[in-house]
Amino acid sequence: MTDSAKILYKVIEVSPVSEETLERQLNERAGEGWSFESVHFVTREGSHRPAMAYLFFTRGFTRGDGRSEQTVAAVRSVSET
């Protein structure tokens, strides 16, 4: 990506894990313009049912799309580390 284009990442922790809670978070973030990347489930020893899930989303933007200067600065500082 060029210096004027960046990718933002968002991680959402979901607990309890159910069809409804996952669906709600996926739909809310998609409505905000985030693209779903992956899901990671956390299980407890001796249980097959997930105790929590982490949903990963991305969203690309360029400086001219109306994002605040704070967002641009935050992305810049992450990319420099």
N, C-alpha and C. Protein backbone atom coordinates (compact mmCIF):
# COMPACT_ATOMS: atom_id res chain seq x y z
N MET A 1 0.84 -1.18 0.00
CA MET A 1 0.00 0.00 0.00
C MET A 1 0.88 1.24 0.00
N THR A 2 0.36 2.26 -0.57
CA THR A 2 1.09 3.52 -0.59
C THR A 2 0.98 4.21 0.76
N ASP A 3 1.77 5.28 0.92
CA ASP A 3 1.73 6.03 2.17
C ASP A 3 0.37 6.67 2.40
N SER A 4 -0.37 6.96 1.31
CA SER A 4 -1.67 7.61 1.46
C SER A 4 -2.81 6.62 1.70
N ALA A 5 -2.55 5.32 1.60
CA ALA A 5 -3.59 4.31 1.83
C ALA A 5 -3.13 3.40 2.97
N LYS A 6 -4.02 3.11 3.89
CA LYS A 6 -3.71 2.27 5.06
C LYS A 6 -4.83 1.28 5.28
N ILE A 7 -4.56 0.29 6.10
CA ILE A 7 -5.58 -0.67 6.52
C ILE A 7 -5.78 -0.50 8.01
N LEU A 8 -7.03 -0.38 8.42
CA LEU A 8 -7.38 -0.37 9.84
C LEU A 8 -7.81 -1.77 10.24
N TYR A 9 -7.52 -2.16 11.46
CA TYR A 9 -7.92 -3.45 12.00
C TYR A 9 -8.82 -3.24 13.20
N LYS A 10 -9.81 -4.13 13.36
CA LYS A 10 -10.70 -4.08 14.52
C LYS A 10 -10.85 -5.52 15.02
N VAL A 11 -10.72 -5.69 16.33
CA VAL A 11 -10.89 -7.00 16.97
C VAL A 11 -12.03 -6.87 17.96
N ILE A 12 -12.99 -7.77 17.86
CA ILE A 12 -14.15 -7.79 18.75
C ILE A 12 -14.15 -9.09 19.54
N GLU A 13 -14.24 -8.98 20.86
CA GLU A 13 -14.37 -10.16 21.72
C GLU A 13 -15.85 -10.43 21.93
N VAL A 14 -16.25 -11.67 21.69
CA VAL A 14 -17.65 -12.06 21.83
C VAL A 14 -17.77 -13.13 22.92
N SER A 15 -18.58 -12.85 23.93
CA SER A 15 -18.84 -13.80 25.00
C SER A 15 -20.17 -13.43 25.63
N PRO A 16 -21.07 -14.33 25.80
CA PRO A 16 -21.02 -15.75 25.44
C PRO A 16 -21.10 -15.94 23.93
N VAL A 17 -20.61 -17.08 23.47
CA VAL A 17 -20.61 -17.40 22.05
C VAL A 17 -21.89 -18.15 21.71
N SER A 18 -22.67 -17.53 20.83
CA SER A 18 -23.87 -18.19 20.32
C SER A 18 -24.10 -17.70 18.90
N GLU A 19 -24.98 -18.34 18.20
CA GLU A 19 -25.30 -17.92 16.85
C GLU A 19 -25.76 -16.46 16.84
N GLU A 20 -26.58 -16.11 17.82
CA GLU A 20 -27.14 -14.76 17.87
C GLU A 20 -26.07 -13.70 18.16
N THR A 21 -25.18 -13.96 19.13
CA THR A 21 -24.17 -12.97 19.47
C THR A 21 -23.17 -12.77 18.34
N LEU A 22 -22.78 -13.86 17.69
CA LEU A 22 -21.85 -13.74 16.56
C LEU A 22 -22.51 -13.01 15.39
N GLU A 23 -23.74 -13.39 15.08
CA GLU A 23 -24.46 -12.76 13.98
C GLU A 23 -24.66 -11.26 14.22
N ARG A 24 -25.00 -10.90 15.44
CA ARG A 24 -25.21 -9.48 15.77
C ARG A 24 -23.93 -8.68 15.55
N GLN A 25 -22.81 -9.19 16.05
CA GLN A 25 -21.54 -8.47 15.90
C GLN A 25 -21.11 -8.39 14.44
N LEU A 26 -21.27 -9.48 13.69
CA LEU A 26 -20.92 -9.47 12.27
C LEU A 26 -21.76 -8.45 11.50
N ASN A 27 -23.05 -8.43 11.74
CA ASN A 27 -23.94 -7.50 11.04
C ASN A 27 -23.67 -6.05 11.43
N GLU A 28 -23.42 -5.80 12.72
CA GLU A 28 -23.13 -4.43 13.15
C GLU A 28 -21.87 -3.90 12.50
N ARG A 29 -20.80 -4.68 12.49
CA ARG A 29 -19.53 -4.23 11.92
C ARG A 29 -19.63 -4.10 10.40
N ALA A 30 -20.33 -5.02 9.74
CA ALA A 30 -20.51 -4.90 8.29
C ALA A 30 -21.29 -3.63 7.96
N GLY A 31 -22.26 -3.28 8.77
CA GLY A 31 -23.02 -2.06 8.58
C GLY A 31 -22.18 -0.81 8.77
N GLU A 32 -21.09 -0.92 9.52
CA GLU A 32 -20.18 0.21 9.75
C GLU A 32 -19.10 0.28 8.67
N GLY A 33 -19.12 -0.67 7.72
CA GLY A 33 -18.15 -0.65 6.64
C GLY A 33 -16.93 -1.53 6.84
N TRP A 34 -16.92 -2.35 7.90
CA TRP A 34 -15.79 -3.24 8.17
C TRP A 34 -15.96 -4.52 7.35
N SER A 35 -14.85 -5.11 6.90
CA SER A 35 -14.86 -6.39 6.18
C SER A 35 -14.38 -7.49 7.11
N PHE A 36 -15.13 -8.58 7.17
CA PHE A 36 -14.79 -9.70 8.04
C PHE A 36 -13.55 -10.40 7.50
N GLU A 37 -12.59 -10.68 8.40
CA GLU A 37 -11.36 -11.39 8.03
C GLU A 37 -11.34 -12.82 8.56
N SER A 38 -11.56 -12.97 9.89
CA SER A 38 -11.48 -14.31 10.47
C SER A 38 -12.12 -14.34 11.85
N VAL A 39 -12.31 -15.57 12.34
CA VAL A 39 -12.83 -15.78 13.69
C VAL A 39 -11.91 -16.79 14.39
N HIS A 40 -11.64 -16.53 15.66
CA HIS A 40 -10.83 -17.44 16.46
C HIS A 40 -11.61 -17.77 17.72
N PHE A 41 -11.78 -19.07 17.97
CA PHE A 41 -12.54 -19.53 19.14
C PHE A 41 -11.60 -19.92 20.26
N VAL A 42 -11.99 -19.63 21.49
CA VAL A 42 -11.23 -20.00 22.68
C VAL A 42 -12.08 -21.00 23.45
N THR A 43 -11.51 -22.18 23.70
CA THR A 43 -12.24 -23.21 24.46
C THR A 43 -11.54 -23.47 25.78
N ARG A 44 -12.30 -23.98 26.71
CA ARG A 44 -11.73 -24.39 28.00
C ARG A 44 -11.37 -25.86 27.90
N GLU A 45 -10.39 -26.23 28.69
CA GLU A 45 -9.96 -27.62 28.70
C GLU A 45 -11.12 -28.53 29.10
N GLY A 46 -11.31 -29.58 28.34
CA GLY A 46 -12.38 -30.53 28.64
C GLY A 46 -13.74 -30.14 28.07
N SER A 47 -13.81 -29.05 27.34
CA SER A 47 -15.07 -28.60 26.76
C SER A 47 -14.86 -28.32 25.28
N HIS A 48 -15.83 -28.73 24.48
CA HIS A 48 -15.76 -28.46 23.05
C HIS A 48 -16.48 -27.16 22.69
N ARG A 49 -17.29 -26.66 23.60
CA ARG A 49 -18.03 -25.42 23.35
C ARG A 49 -17.12 -24.22 23.61
N PRO A 50 -17.05 -23.27 22.67
CA PRO A 50 -16.17 -22.12 22.88
C PRO A 50 -16.63 -21.25 24.04
N ALA A 51 -15.67 -20.78 24.82
CA ALA A 51 -15.96 -19.86 25.93
C ALA A 51 -16.06 -18.44 25.42
N MET A 52 -15.29 -18.11 24.37
CA MET A 52 -15.34 -16.79 23.76
C MET A 52 -14.82 -16.90 22.34
N ALA A 53 -15.08 -15.85 21.58
CA ALA A 53 -14.59 -15.79 20.20
C ALA A 53 -14.03 -14.40 19.95
N TYR A 54 -13.05 -14.34 19.08
CA TYR A 54 -12.51 -13.06 18.63
C TYR A 54 -12.79 -12.93 17.15
N LEU A 55 -13.47 -11.85 16.77
CA LEU A 55 -13.77 -11.58 15.37
C LEU A 55 -12.79 -10.52 14.88
N PHE A 56 -12.19 -10.75 13.74
CA PHE A 56 -11.21 -9.83 13.16
C PHE A 56 -11.78 -9.20 11.90
N PHE A 57 -11.68 -7.87 11.83
CA PHE A 57 -12.20 -7.10 10.70
C PHE A 57 -11.11 -6.16 10.19
N THR A 58 -11.23 -5.78 8.92
CA THR A 58 -10.34 -4.79 8.33
C THR A 58 -11.16 -3.76 7.58
N ARG A 59 -10.55 -2.61 7.38
CA ARG A 59 -11.17 -1.56 6.57
C ARG A 59 -10.04 -0.70 6.02
N GLY A 60 -10.03 -0.50 4.73
CA GLY A 60 -9.02 0.35 4.11
C GLY A 60 -9.57 1.74 3.92
N PHE A 61 -8.68 2.72 3.89
CA PHE A 61 -9.09 4.08 3.62
C PHE A 61 -7.91 4.89 3.10
N THR A 62 -8.21 5.97 2.46
CA THR A 62 -7.19 6.92 2.05
C THR A 62 -7.42 8.20 2.83
N ARG A 63 -6.44 9.04 2.88
CA ARG A 63 -6.55 10.27 3.67
C ARG A 63 -7.69 11.16 3.21
N GLY A 64 -8.11 11.04 1.98
CA GLY A 64 -9.16 11.90 1.46
C GLY A 64 -10.57 11.41 1.71
N ASP A 65 -10.74 10.36 2.53
CA ASP A 65 -12.10 9.82 2.69
C ASP A 65 -12.84 10.36 3.91
N GLY A 66 -12.34 11.41 4.52
CA GLY A 66 -13.06 12.03 5.62
C GLY A 66 -12.70 11.52 7.00
N ARG A 67 -11.73 10.62 7.10
CA ARG A 67 -11.32 10.14 8.43
C ARG A 67 -10.67 11.28 9.19
N SER A 68 -10.79 11.22 10.51
CA SER A 68 -10.22 12.27 11.35
C SER A 68 -8.70 12.20 11.34
N GLU A 69 -8.08 13.30 11.67
CA GLU A 69 -6.63 13.34 11.76
C GLU A 69 -6.13 12.41 12.86
N GLN A 70 -6.91 12.22 13.93
CA GLN A 70 -6.51 11.30 15.00
C GLN A 70 -6.41 9.88 14.45
N THR A 71 -7.35 9.47 13.61
CA THR A 71 -7.32 8.13 13.03
C THR A 71 -6.10 7.97 12.14
N VAL A 72 -5.84 8.96 11.30
CA VAL A 72 -4.67 8.91 10.42
C VAL A 72 -3.40 8.84 11.24
N ALA A 73 -3.30 9.63 12.31
CA ALA A 73 -2.12 9.62 13.17
C ALA A 73 -1.96 8.29 13.87
N ALA A 74 -3.05 7.69 14.32
CA ALA A 74 -2.99 6.39 15.01
C ALA A 74 -2.50 5.32 14.05
N VAL A 75 -3.01 5.31 12.84
CA VAL A 75 -2.57 4.33 11.85
C VAL A 75 -1.10 4.55 11.52
N ARG A 76 -0.70 5.81 11.39
CA ARG A 76 0.68 6.13 11.08
C ARG A 76 1.59 5.62 12.19
N SER A 77 1.21 5.81 13.45
CA SER A 77 2.07 5.39 14.57
C SER A 77 2.17 3.87 14.64
N VAL A 78 1.10 3.15 14.31
CA VAL A 78 1.15 1.68 14.32
C VAL A 78 2.04 1.19 13.20
N SER A 79 1.95 1.79 12.02
CA SER A 79 2.75 1.34 10.89
C SER A 79 4.23 1.65 11.08
N GLU A 80 4.57 2.58 11.94
CA GLU A 80 5.96 2.92 12.18
C GLU A 80 6.62 2.03 13.22
N THR A 81 5.86 1.24 13.96
CA THR A 81 6.45 0.38 14.99
C THR A 81 6.79 -0.97 14.44
